[in-house]
Structure formats: C-alpha cells, structure tokens
Amino acid sequence: MKAAKLRPFIPSGEDYSLAQRFFEDLGFEKVYSDSGLSIFRIGEQEFFLQNFHNQEFQNNYMVELVVEDLDGWWTHIQTVVREKEYPVRIKEPTVYPWGKREINLIDLSGVCWHISEPIK
C-alpha cells in the first residue's frame, strides 16, 4: 500500500487576499482557488491556504519547505519582503551541527516556515 501524500493547511490570518499575494510573490503557483481555499504549488510540494484566523493556532503551527537553492531563496525572500513591505520576520540561513541549513520565516499569519535544502 502506498502512503498518501498530505498537503499542509496554512491559515491565512486576518487578510486572505494579502496572504495569497504574498505566496504568489514568493513564486508559488496558485493552482486552485474557490470560497476561501486555495492550493499553492512549488515544484512537487503543495499546500492549502485557508481563509482562517486563530492566532493561538497560527503561532503554534510549523511548515517545512525543501528547496534546492537555499541561498537563492534567501536572496529572493529578502527582495520580496523589502520591495512589497510584507510584515513578516525572516532569519538568515542557519547551519546546524548535523549539516542541515535552514531559513526561518514567520509569515503574515504567524506560521513558522522552515525552509531548508536537502542534507547531502
């Protein structure tokens, strides 16, 4: 039996349309949108963006995104956030003792994204 590939649900926070624009500006492709639910894709990875606001839930929710070019993503995220003045928090790439490199981004709703590259 093959395991199902689950897509995470991301709460939009107070402004669903702003959250959609943020992810589009980061380069995610919106492949579906209807009635407060959108599906975004980048490469093989997808997530549901839901028109949902619950600060306690959002502040305790984490998502992992694996990318091939972490340095390129770091530059891109900085550019998008600076040019569009999105109220997000980002932390520069961190290298962990076991070899993992990761960027941490707190998005518009308070969800923490761990953006990392595959460990080689």
PDB file of N, CA and C in Angstrom:
ATOM      1  N   MET A   1       0.846  -1.174   0.000  1.00  0.00           N
ATOM      2  CA  MET A   1       0.000   0.000   0.000  1.00  0.00           C
ATOM      3  C   MET A   1       0.893   1.239   0.000  1.00  0.00           C
ATOM      4  N   LYS A   2       0.529   2.195  -0.830  1.00  0.00           N
ATOM      5  CA  LYS A   2       1.290   3.437  -0.927  1.00  0.00           C
ATOM      6  C   LYS A   2       0.694   4.478   0.023  1.00  0.00           C
ATOM      7  N   ALA A   3       1.567   5.168   0.754  1.00  0.00           N
ATOM      8  CA  ALA A   3       1.103   6.201   1.680  1.00  0.00           C
ATOM      9  C   ALA A   3       0.613   7.420   0.905  1.00  0.00           C
ATOM     10  N   ALA A   4      -0.410   8.067   1.420  1.00  0.00           N
ATOM     11  CA  ALA A   4      -0.937   9.279   0.798  1.00  0.00           C
ATOM     12  C   ALA A   4       0.009  10.441   1.069  1.00  0.00           C
ATOM     13  N   LYS A   5       0.160  11.287   0.079  1.00  0.00           N
ATOM     14  CA  LYS A   5       0.966  12.494   0.246  1.00  0.00           C
ATOM     15  C   LYS A   5       0.049  13.587   0.782  1.00  0.00           C
ATOM     16  N   LEU A   6       0.302  14.020   2.015  1.00  0.00           N
ATOM     17  CA  LEU A   6      -0.557  15.011   2.643  1.00  0.00           C
ATOM     18  C   LEU A   6      -0.058  16.417   2.360  1.00  0.00           C
ATOM     19  N   ARG A   7      -0.973  17.316   2.136  1.00  0.00           N
ATOM     20  CA  ARG A   7      -0.640  18.722   1.930  1.00  0.00           C
ATOM     21  C   ARG A   7      -1.007  19.484   3.194  1.00  0.00           C
ATOM     22  N   PRO A   8      -0.110  20.312   3.693  1.00  0.00           N
ATOM     23  CA  PRO A   8      -0.457  21.059   4.911  1.00  0.00           C
ATOM     24  C   PRO A   8      -1.480  22.152   4.636  1.00  0.00           C
ATOM     25  N   PHE A   9      -2.299  22.434   5.651  1.00  0.00           N
ATOM     26  CA  PHE A   9      -3.212  23.566   5.625  1.00  0.00           C
ATOM     27  C   PHE A   9      -2.509  24.743   6.268  1.00  0.00           C
ATOM     28  N   ILE A  10      -2.479  25.876   5.591  1.00  0.00           N
ATOM     29  CA  ILE A  10      -1.874  27.088   6.124  1.00  0.00           C
ATOM     30  C   ILE A  10      -2.997  28.083   6.385  1.00  0.00           C
ATOM     31  N   PRO A  11      -3.140  28.560   7.617  1.00  0.00           N
ATOM     32  CA  PRO A  11      -4.150  29.586   7.870  1.00  0.00           C
ATOM     33  C   PRO A  11      -3.702  30.920   7.289  1.00  0.00           C
ATOM     34  N   SER A  12      -4.634  31.668   6.730  1.00  0.00           N
ATOM     35  CA  SER A  12      -4.280  32.929   6.069  1.00  0.00           C
ATOM     36  C   SER A  12      -4.074  34.076   7.046  1.00  0.00           C
ATOM     37  N   GLY A  13      -4.618  33.961   8.232  1.00  0.00           N
ATOM     38  CA  GLY A  13      -4.609  35.104   9.138  1.00  0.00           C
ATOM     39  C   GLY A  13      -5.778  36.015   8.809  1.00  0.00           C
ATOM     40  N   GLU A  14      -5.682  37.266   9.203  1.00  0.00           N
ATOM     41  CA  GLU A  14      -6.799  38.195   9.054  1.00  0.00           C
ATOM     42  C   GLU A  14      -7.068  38.607   7.611  1.00  0.00           C
ATOM     43  N   ASP A  15      -6.060  38.568   6.734  1.00  0.00           N
ATOM     44  CA  ASP A  15      -6.231  39.068   5.369  1.00  0.00           C
ATOM     45  C   ASP A  15      -5.878  37.977   4.353  1.00  0.00           C
ATOM     46  N   TYR A  16      -6.908  37.267   3.913  1.00  0.00           N
ATOM     47  CA  TYR A  16      -6.741  36.148   2.980  1.00  0.00           C
ATOM     48  C   TYR A  16      -6.143  36.592   1.649  1.00  0.00           C
ATOM     49  N   SER A  17      -6.620  37.704   1.094  1.00  0.00           N
ATOM     50  CA  SER A  17      -6.112  38.159  -0.209  1.00  0.00           C
ATOM     51  C   SER A  17      -4.645  38.592  -0.105  1.00  0.00           C
ATOM     52  N   LEU A  18      -4.260  39.216   1.007  1.00  0.00           N
ATOM     53  CA  LEU A  18      -2.856  39.588   1.199  1.00  0.00           C
ATOM     54  C   LEU A  18      -1.981  38.341   1.314  1.00  0.00           C
ATOM     55  N   ALA A  19      -2.463  37.333   2.015  1.00  0.00           N
ATOM     56  CA  ALA A  19      -1.715  36.074   2.138  1.00  0.00           C
ATOM     57  C   ALA A  19      -1.533  35.428   0.762  1.00  0.00           C
ATOM     58  N   GLN A  20      -2.573  35.458  -0.071  1.00  0.00           N
ATOM     59  CA  GLN A  20      -2.457  34.909  -1.424  1.00  0.00           C
ATOM     60  C   GLN A  20      -1.389  35.656  -2.215  1.00  0.00           C
ATOM     61  N   ARG A  21      -1.418  36.982  -2.173  1.00  0.00           N
ATOM     62  CA  ARG A  21      -0.419  37.773  -2.905  1.00  0.00           C
ATOM     63  C   ARG A  21       0.994  37.489  -2.403  1.00  0.00           C
ATOM     64  N   PHE A  22       1.155  37.335  -1.094  1.00  0.00           N
ATOM     65  CA  PHE A  22       2.466  37.043  -0.519  1.00  0.00           C
ATOM     66  C   PHE A  22       3.044  35.756  -1.104  1.00  0.00           C
ATOM     67  N   PHE A  23       2.257  34.684  -1.114  1.00  0.00           N
ATOM     68  CA  PHE A  23       2.760  33.414  -1.628  1.00  0.00           C
ATOM     69  C   PHE A  23       2.981  33.459  -3.139  1.00  0.00           C
ATOM     70  N   GLU A  24       2.134  34.185  -3.860  1.00  0.00           N
ATOM     71  CA  GLU A  24       2.361  34.351  -5.298  1.00  0.00           C
ATOM     72  C   GLU A  24       3.655  35.130  -5.548  1.00  0.00           C
ATOM     73  N   ASP A  25       3.894  36.177  -4.772  1.00  0.00           N
ATOM     74  CA  ASP A  25       5.119  36.963  -4.929  1.00  0.00           C
ATOM     75  C   ASP A  25       6.366  36.143  -4.592  1.00  0.00           C
ATOM     76  N   LEU A  26       6.222  35.172  -3.690  1.00  0.00           N
ATOM     77  CA  LEU A  26       7.359  34.296  -3.381  1.00  0.00           C
ATOM     78  C   LEU A  26       7.625  33.291  -4.499  1.00  0.00           C
ATOM     79  N   GLY A  27       6.662  33.142  -5.412  1.00  0.00           N
ATOM     80  CA  GLY A  27       6.880  32.252  -6.541  1.00  0.00           C
ATOM     81  C   GLY A  27       6.055  30.981  -6.522  1.00  0.00           C
ATOM     82  N   PHE A  28       5.141  30.874  -5.559  1.00  0.00           N
ATOM     83  CA  PHE A  28       4.253  29.717  -5.536  1.00  0.00           C
ATOM     84  C   PHE A  28       3.193  29.901  -6.616  1.00  0.00           C
ATOM     85  N   GLU A  29       2.832  28.831  -7.275  1.00  0.00           N
ATOM     86  CA  GLU A  29       1.795  28.868  -8.300  1.00  0.00           C
ATOM     87  C   GLU A  29       0.448  28.550  -7.661  1.00  0.00           C
ATOM     88  N   LYS A  30      -0.542  29.422  -7.860  1.00  0.00           N
ATOM     89  CA  LYS A  30      -1.884  29.138  -7.363  1.00  0.00           C
ATOM     90  C   LYS A  30      -2.562  28.242  -8.388  1.00  0.00           C
ATOM     91  N   VAL A  31      -2.831  26.991  -8.019  1.00  0.00           N
ATOM     92  CA  VAL A  31      -3.412  26.040  -8.960  1.00  0.00           C
ATOM     93  C   VAL A  31      -4.911  25.854  -8.763  1.00  0.00           C
ATOM     94  N   TYR A  32      -5.439  26.400  -7.665  1.00  0.00           N
ATOM     95  CA  TYR A  32      -6.879  26.309  -7.400  1.00  0.00           C
ATOM     96  C   TYR A  32      -7.246  27.404  -6.413  1.00  0.00           C
ATOM     97  N   SER A  33      -8.444  27.987  -6.583  1.00  0.00           N
ATOM     98  CA  SER A  33      -8.928  28.963  -5.613  1.00  0.00           C
ATOM     99  C   SER A  33     -10.444  29.042  -5.714  1.00  0.00           C
ATOM    100  N   ASP A  34     -11.111  28.881  -4.564  1.00  0.00           N
ATOM    101  CA  ASP A  34     -12.560  28.989  -4.519  1.00  0.00           C
ATOM    102  C   ASP A  34     -13.019  29.056  -3.068  1.00  0.00           C
ATOM    103  N   SER A  35     -13.863  30.000  -2.762  1.00  0.00           N
ATOM    104  CA  SER A  35     -14.540  30.093  -1.463  1.00  0.00           C
ATOM    105  C   SER A  35     -13.611  29.992  -0.260  1.00  0.00           C
ATOM    106  N   GLY A  36     -12.559  30.777  -0.238  1.00  0.00           N
ATOM    107  CA  GLY A  36     -11.697  30.818   0.935  1.00  0.00           C
ATOM    108  C   GLY A  36     -10.711  29.677   1.056  1.00  0.00           C
ATOM    109  N   LEU A  37     -10.467  28.975  -0.041  1.00  0.00           N
ATOM    110  CA  LEU A  37      -9.484  27.896  -0.044  1.00  0.00           C
ATOM    111  C   LEU A  37      -8.708  27.957  -1.355  1.00  0.00           C
ATOM    112  N   SER A  38      -7.388  27.990  -1.258  1.00  0.00           N
ATOM    113  CA  SER A  38      -6.534  27.982  -2.442  1.00  0.00           C
ATOM    114  C   SER A  38      -5.496  26.884  -2.284  1.00  0.00           C
ATOM    115  N   ILE A  39      -5.059  26.349  -3.419  1.00  0.00           N
ATOM    116  CA  ILE A  39      -3.961  25.390  -3.407  1.00  0.00           C
ATOM    117  C   ILE A  39      -2.788  26.051  -4.110  1.00  0.00           C
ATOM    118  N   PHE A  40      -1.655  26.062  -3.438  1.00  0.00           N
ATOM    119  CA  PHE A  40      -0.419  26.609  -3.987  1.00  0.00           C
ATOM    120  C   PHE A  40       0.577  25.490  -4.182  1.00  0.00           C
ATOM    121  N   ARG A  41       1.402  25.625  -5.213  1.00  0.00           N
ATOM    122  CA  ARG A  41       2.392  24.596  -5.540  1.00  0.00           C
ATOM    123  C   ARG A  41       3.708  25.260  -5.881  1.00  0.00           C
ATOM    124  N   ILE A  42       4.769  24.595  -5.474  1.00  0.00           N
ATOM    125  CA  ILE A  42       6.102  24.945  -5.943  1.00  0.00           C
ATOM    126  C   ILE A  42       6.838  23.622  -6.129  1.00  0.00           C
ATOM    127  N   GLY A  43       7.245  23.354  -7.345  1.00  0.00           N
ATOM    128  CA  GLY A  43       7.839  22.054  -7.633  1.00  0.00           C
ATOM    129  C   GLY A  43       6.828  20.958  -7.349  1.00  0.00           C
ATOM    130  N   GLU A  44       7.230  19.971  -6.565  1.00  0.00           N
ATOM    131  CA  GLU A  44       6.353  18.851  -6.207  1.00  0.00           C
ATOM    132  C   GLU A  44       5.597  19.103  -4.901  1.00  0.00           C
ATOM    133  N   GLN A  45       5.860  20.222  -4.255  1.00  0.00           N
ATOM    134  CA  GLN A  45       5.270  20.491  -2.950  1.00  0.00           C
ATOM    135  C   GLN A  45       4.045  21.386  -3.082  1.00  0.00           C
ATOM    136  N   GLU A  46       2.993  21.041  -2.342  1.00  0.00           N
ATOM    137  CA  GLU A  46       1.752  21.795  -2.378  1.00  0.00           C
ATOM    138  C   GLU A  46       1.275  22.079  -0.958  1.00  0.00           C
ATOM    139  N   PHE A  47       0.474  23.129  -0.816  1.00  0.00           N
ATOM    140  CA  PHE A  47      -0.216  23.362   0.450  1.00  0.00           C
ATOM    141  C   PHE A  47      -1.539  24.051   0.181  1.00  0.00           C
ATOM    142  N   PHE A  48      -2.459  23.887   1.121  1.00  0.00           N
ATOM    143  CA  PHE A  48      -3.750  24.561   1.090  1.00  0.00           C
ATOM    144  C   PHE A  48      -3.626  25.853   1.887  1.00  0.00           C
ATOM    145  N   LEU A  49      -4.046  26.962   1.314  1.00  0.00           N
ATOM    146  CA  LEU A  49      -4.169  28.218   2.054  1.00  0.00           C
ATOM    147  C   LEU A  49      -5.644  28.384   2.356  1.00  0.00           C
ATOM    148  N   GLN A  50      -5.975  28.468   3.639  1.00  0.00           N
ATOM    149  CA  GLN A  50      -7.365  28.524   4.057  1.00  0.00           C
ATOM    150  C   GLN A  50      -7.666  29.870   4.698  1.00  0.00           C
ATOM    151  N   ASN A  51      -8.808  30.443   4.347  1.00  0.00           N
ATOM    152  CA  ASN A  51      -9.247  31.705   4.930  1.00  0.00           C
ATOM    153  C   ASN A  51      -9.664  31.426   6.372  1.00  0.00           C
ATOM    154  N   PHE A  52      -8.678  31.485   7.260  1.00  0.00           N
ATOM    155  CA  PHE A  52      -8.873  31.070   8.648  1.00  0.00           C
ATOM    156  C   PHE A  52      -7.994  31.927   9.538  1.00  0.00           C
ATOM    157  N   HIS A  53      -8.539  32.380  10.651  1.00  0.00           N
ATOM    158  CA  HIS A  53      -7.763  33.194  11.589  1.00  0.00           C
ATOM    159  C   HIS A  53      -8.006  32.711  13.010  1.00  0.00           C
ATOM    160  N   ASN A  54      -6.979  32.179  13.622  1.00  0.00           N
ATOM    161  CA  ASN A  54      -6.990  31.790  15.029  1.00  0.00           C
ATOM    162  C   ASN A  54      -5.558  31.954  15.502  1.00  0.00           C
ATOM    163  N   GLN A  55      -5.260  33.073  16.146  1.00  0.00           N
ATOM    164  CA  GLN A  55      -3.884  33.429  16.465  1.00  0.00           C
ATOM    165  C   GLN A  55      -3.165  32.369  17.289  1.00  0.00           C
ATOM    166  N   GLU A  56      -3.848  31.759  18.240  1.00  0.00           N
ATOM    167  CA  GLU A  56      -3.194  30.741  19.069  1.00  0.00           C
ATOM    168  C   GLU A  56      -2.751  29.555  18.217  1.00  0.00           C
ATOM    169  N   PHE A  57      -3.624  29.108  17.330  1.00  0.00           N
ATOM    170  CA  PHE A  57      -3.279  28.001  16.438  1.00  0.00           C
ATOM    171  C   PHE A  57      -2.133  28.392  15.514  1.00  0.00           C
ATOM    172  N   GLN A  58      -2.250  29.569  14.904  1.00  0.00           N
ATOM    173  CA  GLN A  58      -1.258  30.017  13.927  1.00  0.00           C
ATOM    174  C   GLN A  58       0.130  30.147  14.538  1.00  0.00           C
ATOM    175  N   ASN A  59       0.218  30.651  15.752  1.00  0.00           N
ATOM    176  CA  ASN A  59       1.508  30.838  16.399  1.00  0.00           C
ATOM    177  C   ASN A  59       2.159  29.532  16.830  1.00  0.00           C
ATOM    178  N   ASN A  60       1.427  28.433  16.746  1.00  0.00           N
ATOM    179  CA  ASN A  60       1.967  27.130  17.133  1.00  0.00           C
ATOM    180  C   ASN A  60       2.021  26.163  15.963  1.00  0.00           C
ATOM    181  N   TYR A  61       1.965  26.681  14.741  1.00  0.00           N
ATOM    182  CA  TYR A  61       1.917  25.846  13.547  1.00  0.00           C
ATOM    183  C   TYR A  61       3.205  26.037  12.757  1.00  0.00           C
ATOM    184  N   MET A  62       3.787  24.935  12.287  1.00  0.00           N
ATOM    185  CA  MET A  62       5.037  24.997  11.523  1.00  0.00           C
ATOM    186  C   MET A  62       4.887  24.208  10.230  1.00  0.00           C
ATOM    187  N   VAL A  63       5.586  24.674   9.198  1.00  0.00           N
ATOM    188  CA  VAL A  63       5.574  24.025   7.893  1.00  0.00           C
ATOM    189  C   VAL A  63       7.012  23.910   7.413  1.00  0.00           C
ATOM    190  N   GLU A  64       7.344  22.802   6.760  1.00  0.00           N
ATOM    191  CA  GLU A  64       8.682  22.644   6.202  1.00  0.00           C
ATOM    192  C   GLU A  64       8.605  22.669   4.684  1.00  0.00           C
ATOM    193  N   LEU A  65       9.499  23.440   4.080  1.00  0.00           N
ATOM    194  CA  LEU A  65       9.631  23.526   2.633  1.00  0.00           C
ATOM    195  C   LEU A  65      11.068  23.179   2.290  1.00  0.00           C
ATOM    196  N   VAL A  66      11.258  22.221   1.399  1.00  0.00           N
ATOM    197  CA  VAL A  66      12.602  21.817   0.986  1.00  0.00           C
ATOM    198  C   VAL A  66      12.869  22.390  -0.398  1.00  0.00           C
ATOM    199  N   VAL A  67      13.990  23.127  -0.528  1.00  0.00           N
ATOM    200  CA  VAL A  67      14.361  23.761  -1.788  1.00  0.00           C
ATOM    201  C   VAL A  67      15.785  23.361  -2.147  1.00  0.00           C
ATOM    202  N   GLU A  68      16.105  23.386  -3.422  1.00  0.00           N
ATOM    203  CA  GLU A  68      17.448  23.016  -3.864  1.00  0.00           C
ATOM    204  C   GLU A  68      18.468  24.135  -3.663  1.00  0.00           C
ATOM    205  N   ASP A  69      18.050  25.382  -3.815  1.00  0.00           N
ATOM    206  CA  ASP A  69      18.977  26.524  -3.756  1.00  0.00           C
ATOM    207  C   ASP A  69      18.598  27.435  -2.592  1.00  0.00           C
ATOM    208  N   LEU A  70      19.077  27.117  -1.405  1.00  0.00           N
ATOM    209  CA  LEU A  70      18.719  27.886  -0.213  1.00  0.00           C
ATOM    210  C   LEU A  70      19.226  29.321  -0.293  1.00  0.00           C
ATOM    211  N   ASP A  71      20.426  29.511  -0.813  1.00  0.00           N
ATOM    212  CA  ASP A  71      20.968  30.870  -0.932  1.00  0.00           C
ATOM    213  C   ASP A  71      20.138  31.710  -1.893  1.00  0.00           C
ATOM    214  N   GLY A  72      19.699  31.106  -2.989  1.00  0.00           N
ATOM    215  CA  GLY A  72      18.828  31.807  -3.937  1.00  0.00           C
ATOM    216  C   GLY A  72      17.503  32.183  -3.290  1.00  0.00           C
ATOM    217  N   TRP A  73      16.942  31.283  -2.507  1.00  0.00           N
ATOM    218  CA  TRP A  73      15.695  31.572  -1.802  1.00  0.00           C
ATOM    219  C   TRP A  73      15.891  32.690  -0.791  1.00  0.00           C
ATOM    220  N   TRP A  74      17.006  32.684  -0.085  1.00  0.00           N
ATOM    221  CA  TRP A  74      17.291  33.728   0.897  1.00  0.00           C
ATOM    222  C   TRP A  74      17.292  35.100   0.226  1.00  0.00           C
ATOM    223  N   THR A  75      17.971  35.206  -0.892  1.00  0.00           N
ATOM    224  CA  THR A  75      18.020  36.470  -1.633  1.00  0.00           C
ATOM    225  C   THR A  75      16.631  36.861  -2.124  1.00  0.00           C
ATOM    226  N   HIS A  76      15.903  35.894  -2.673  1.00  0.00           N
ATOM    227  CA  HIS A  76      14.563  36.150  -3.209  1.00  0.00           C
ATOM    228  C   HIS A  76      13.604  36.609  -2.108  1.00  0.00           C
ATOM    229  N   ILE A  77      13.591  35.920  -0.974  1.00  0.00           N
ATOM    230  CA  ILE A  77      12.697  36.282   0.128  1.00  0.00           C
ATOM    231  C   ILE A  77      12.993  37.696   0.608  1.00  0.00           C
ATOM    232  N   GLN A  78      14.270  38.010   0.780  1.00  0.00           N
ATOM    233  CA  GLN A  78      14.643  39.359   1.223  1.00  0.00           C
ATOM    234  C   GLN A  78      14.136  40.420   0.249  1.00  0.00           C
ATOM    235  N   THR A  79      14.298  40.163  -1.037  1.00  0.00           N
ATOM    236  CA  THR A  79      13.867  41.113  -2.067  1.00  0.00           C
ATOM    237  C   THR A  79      12.356  41.316  -2.023  1.00  0.00           C
ATOM    238  N   VAL A  80      11.600  40.222  -1.985  1.00  0.00           N
ATOM    239  CA  VAL A  80      10.137  40.316  -1.965  1.00  0.00           C
ATOM    240  C   VAL A  80       9.659  41.065  -0.723  1.00  0.00           C
ATOM    241  N   VAL A  81      10.191  40.703   0.432  1.00  0.00           N
ATOM    242  CA  VAL A  81       9.757  41.335   1.681  1.00  0.00           C
ATOM    243  C   VAL A  81      10.098  42.828   1.683  1.00  0.00           C
ATOM    244  N   ARG A  82      11.284  43.159   1.210  1.00  0.00           N
ATOM    245  CA  ARG A  82      11.708  44.564   1.189  1.00  0.00           C
ATOM    246  C   ARG A  82      10.889  45.381   0.178  1.00  0.00           C
ATOM    247  N   GLU A  83      10.727  44.860  -1.040  1.00  0.00           N
ATOM    248  CA  GLU A  83      10.029  45.617  -2.082  1.00  0.00           C
ATOM    249  C   GLU A  83       8.538  45.765  -1.804  1.00  0.00           C
ATOM    250  N   LYS A  84       7.910  44.742  -1.290  1.00  0.00           N
ATOM    251  CA  LYS A  84       6.459  44.770  -1.057  1.00  0.00           C
ATOM    252  C   LYS A  84       6.110  45.173   0.376  1.00  0.00           C
ATOM    253  N   GLU A  85       7.129  45.297   1.219  1.00  0.00           N
ATOM    254  CA  GLU A  85       6.952  45.676   2.619  1.00  0.00           C
ATOM    255  C   GLU A  85       5.983  44.764   3.362  1.00  0.00           C
ATOM    256  N   TYR A  86       6.131  43.462   3.138  1.00  0.00           N
ATOM    257  CA  TYR A  86       5.305  42.495   3.860  1.00  0.00           C
ATOM    258  C   TYR A  86       5.741  42.439   5.320  1.00  0.00           C
ATOM    259  N   PRO A  87       4.775  42.397   6.243  1.00  0.00           N
ATOM    260  CA  PRO A  87       5.112  42.332   7.664  1.00  0.00           C
ATOM    261  C   PRO A  87       5.427  40.900   8.108  1.00  0.00           C
ATOM    262  N   VAL A  88       6.540  40.380   7.648  1.00  0.00           N
ATOM    263  CA  VAL A  88       6.971  39.039   8.025  1.00  0.00           C
ATOM    264  C   VAL A  88       8.333  39.142   8.715  1.00  0.00           C
ATOM    265  N   ARG A  89       8.694  38.095   9.401  1.00  0.00           N
ATOM    266  CA  ARG A  89      10.006  38.041  10.038  1.00  0.00           C
ATOM    267  C   ARG A  89      10.804  36.912   9.392  1.00  0.00           C
ATOM    268  N   ILE A  90      12.054  37.198   9.071  1.00  0.00           N
ATOM    269  CA  ILE A  90      12.916  36.188   8.495  1.00  0.00           C
ATOM    270  C   ILE A  90      14.237  36.158   9.249  1.00  0.00           C
ATOM    271  N   LYS A  91      14.792  34.963   9.331  1.00  0.00           N
ATOM    272  CA  LYS A  91      16.089  34.781   9.978  1.00  0.00           C
ATOM    273  C   LYS A  91      17.028  34.182   8.943  1.00  0.00           C
ATOM    274  N   GLU A  92      18.212  34.762   8.836  1.00  0.00           N
ATOM    275  CA  GLU A  92      19.172  34.317   7.828  1.00  0.00           C
ATOM    276  C   GLU A  92      19.476  32.831   7.977  1.00  0.00           C
ATOM    277  N   PRO A  93      20.012  32.223   6.922  1.00  0.00           N
ATOM    278  CA  PRO A  93      20.283  30.785   6.968  1.00  0.00           C
ATOM    279  C   PRO A  93      21.140  30.390   8.178  1.00  0.00           C
ATOM    280  N   THR A  94      20.689  29.356   8.840  1.00  0.00           N
ATOM    281  CA  THR A  94      21.384  28.788   9.991  1.00  0.00           C
ATOM    282  C   THR A  94      21.939  27.435   9.583  1.00  0.00           C
ATOM    283  N   VAL A  95      23.159  27.153   9.997  1.00  0.00           N
ATOM    284  CA  VAL A  95      23.764  25.844   9.738  1.00  0.00           C
ATOM    285  C   VAL A  95      23.780  25.084  11.062  1.00  0.00           C
ATOM    286  N   TYR A  96      23.154  23.910  11.059  1.00  0.00           N
ATOM    287  CA  TYR A  96      23.099  23.087  12.268  1.00  0.00           C
ATOM    288  C   TYR A  96      24.264  22.109  12.288  1.00  0.00           C
ATOM    289  N   PRO A  97      24.664  21.635  13.471  1.00  0.00           N
ATOM    290  CA  PRO A  97      25.822  20.741  13.579  1.00  0.00           C
ATOM    291  C   PRO A  97      25.715  19.468  12.730  1.00  0.00           C
ATOM    292  N   TRP A  98      24.517  19.012  12.445  1.00  0.00           N
ATOM    293  CA  TRP A  98      24.343  17.788  11.655  1.00  0.00           C
ATOM    294  C   TRP A  98      24.312  18.064  10.159  1.00  0.00           C
ATOM    295  N   GLY A  99      24.572  19.311   9.760  1.00  0.00           N
ATOM    296  CA  GLY A  99      24.719  19.653   8.350  1.00  0.00           C
ATOM    297  C   GLY A  99      23.513  20.283   7.688  1.00  0.00           C
ATOM    298  N   LYS A 100      22.416  20.371   8.373  1.00  0.00           N
ATOM    299  CA  LYS A 100      21.218  20.972   7.781  1.00  0.00           C
ATOM    300  C   LYS A 100      21.348  22.497   7.782  1.00  0.00           C
ATOM    301  N   ARG A 101      20.988  23.111   6.646  1.00  0.00           N
ATOM    302  CA  ARG A 101      20.914  24.574   6.532  1.00  0.00           C
ATOM    303  C   ARG A 101      19.448  24.941   6.400  1.00  0.00           C
ATOM    304  N   GLU A 102      19.052  26.035   7.085  1.00  0.00           N
ATOM    305  CA  GLU A 102      17.638  26.359   7.146  1.00  0.00           C
ATOM    306  C   GLU A 102      17.422  27.858   7.308  1.00  0.00           C
ATOM    307  N   ILE A 103      16.376  28.371   6.644  1.00  0.00           N
ATOM    308  CA  ILE A 103      15.888  29.735   6.825  1.00  0.00           C
ATOM    309  C   ILE A 103      14.586  29.613   7.603  1.00  0.00           C
ATOM    310  N   ASN A 104      14.395  30.475   8.583  1.00  0.00           N
ATOM    311  CA  ASN A 104      13.120  30.517   9.299  1.00  0.00           C
ATOM    312  C   ASN A 104      12.389  31.785   8.904  1.00  0.00           C
ATOM    313  N   LEU A 105      11.122  31.617   8.552  1.00  0.00           N
ATOM    314  CA  LEU A 105      10.280  32.733   8.141  1.00  0.00           C
ATOM    315  C   LEU A 105       8.972  32.636   8.900  1.00  0.00           C
ATOM    316  N   ILE A 106       8.578  33.718   9.551  1.00  0.00           N
ATOM    317  CA  ILE A 106       7.257  33.792  10.176  1.00  0.00           C
ATOM    318  C   ILE A 106       6.381  34.569   9.208  1.00  0.00           C
ATOM    319  N   ASP A 107       5.361  33.897   8.641  1.00  0.00           N
ATOM    320  CA  ASP A 107       4.557  34.529   7.594  1.00  0.00           C
ATOM    321  C   ASP A 107       3.546  35.517   8.172  1.00  0.00           C
ATOM    322  N   LEU A 108       2.667  36.020   7.321  1.00  0.00           N
ATOM    323  CA  LEU A 108       1.716  37.066   7.690  1.00  0.00           C
ATOM    324  C   LEU A 108       0.776  36.669   8.815  1.00  0.00           C
ATOM    325  N   SER A 109       0.495  35.371   8.939  1.00  0.00           N
ATOM    326  CA  SER A 109      -0.456  34.934   9.963  1.00  0.00           C
ATOM    327  C   SER A 109       0.234  34.451  11.233  1.00  0.00           C
ATOM    328  N   GLY A 110       1.558  34.342  11.221  1.00  0.00           N
ATOM    329  CA  GLY A 110       2.286  33.866  12.392  1.00  0.00           C
ATOM    330  C   GLY A 110       2.770  32.438  12.275  1.00  0.00           C
ATOM    331  N   VAL A 111       2.545  31.802  11.121  1.00  0.00           N
ATOM    332  CA  VAL A 111       3.014  30.436  10.895  1.00  0.00           C
ATOM    333  C   VAL A 111       4.521  30.460  10.638  1.00  0.00           C
ATOM    334  N   CYS A 112       5.234  29.537  11.268  1.00  0.00           N
ATOM    335  CA  CYS A 112       6.684  29.448  11.098  1.00  0.00           C
ATOM    336  C   CYS A 112       7.009  28.465   9.968  1.00  0.00           C
ATOM    337  N   TRP A 113       7.728  28.962   8.970  1.00  0.00           N
ATOM    338  CA  TRP A 113       8.194  28.145   7.851  1.00  0.00           C
ATOM    339  C   TRP A 113       9.660  27.801   8.069  1.00  0.00           C
ATOM    340  N   HIS A 114       9.996  26.527   7.937  1.00  0.00           N
ATOM    341  CA  HIS A 114      11.377  26.066   7.969  1.00  0.00           C
ATOM    342  C   HIS A 114      11.738  25.740   6.525  1.00  0.00           C
ATOM    343  N   ILE A 115      12.517  26.598   5.908  1.00  0.00           N
ATOM    344  CA  ILE A 115      12.897  26.416   4.512  1.00  0.00           C
ATOM    345  C   ILE A 115      14.311  25.875   4.517  1.00  0.00           C
ATOM    346  N   SER A 116      14.474  24.662   4.032  1.00  0.00           N
ATOM    347  CA  SER A 116      15.783  24.017   4.105  1.00  0.00           C
ATOM    348  C   SER A 116      16.128  23.380   2.776  1.00  0.00           C
ATOM    349  N   GLU A 117      17.397  23.035   2.646  1.00  0.00           N
ATOM    350  CA  GLU A 117      17.844  22.293   1.470  1.00  0.00           C
ATOM    351  C   GLU A 117      18.068  20.849   1.887  1.00  0.00           C
ATOM    352  N   PRO A 118      18.020  19.931   0.945  1.00  0.00           N
ATOM    353  CA  PRO A 118      18.258  18.537   1.297  1.00  0.00           C
ATOM    354  C   PRO A 118      19.645  18.370   1.915  1.00  0.00           C
ATOM    355  N   ILE A 119      19.740  17.525   2.934  1.00  0.00           N
ATOM    356  CA  ILE A 119      21.038  17.240   3.532  1.00  0.00           C
ATOM    357  C   ILE A 119      21.783  16.325   2.569  1.00  0.00           C
ATOM    358  N   LYS A 120      23.031  16.704   2.278  1.00  0.00           N
ATOM    359  CA  LYS A 120      23.802  15.930   1.300  1.00  0.00           C
ATOM    360  C   LYS A 120      24.804  15.045   1.972  1.00  0.00           C
TER     361      LYS A 120
END
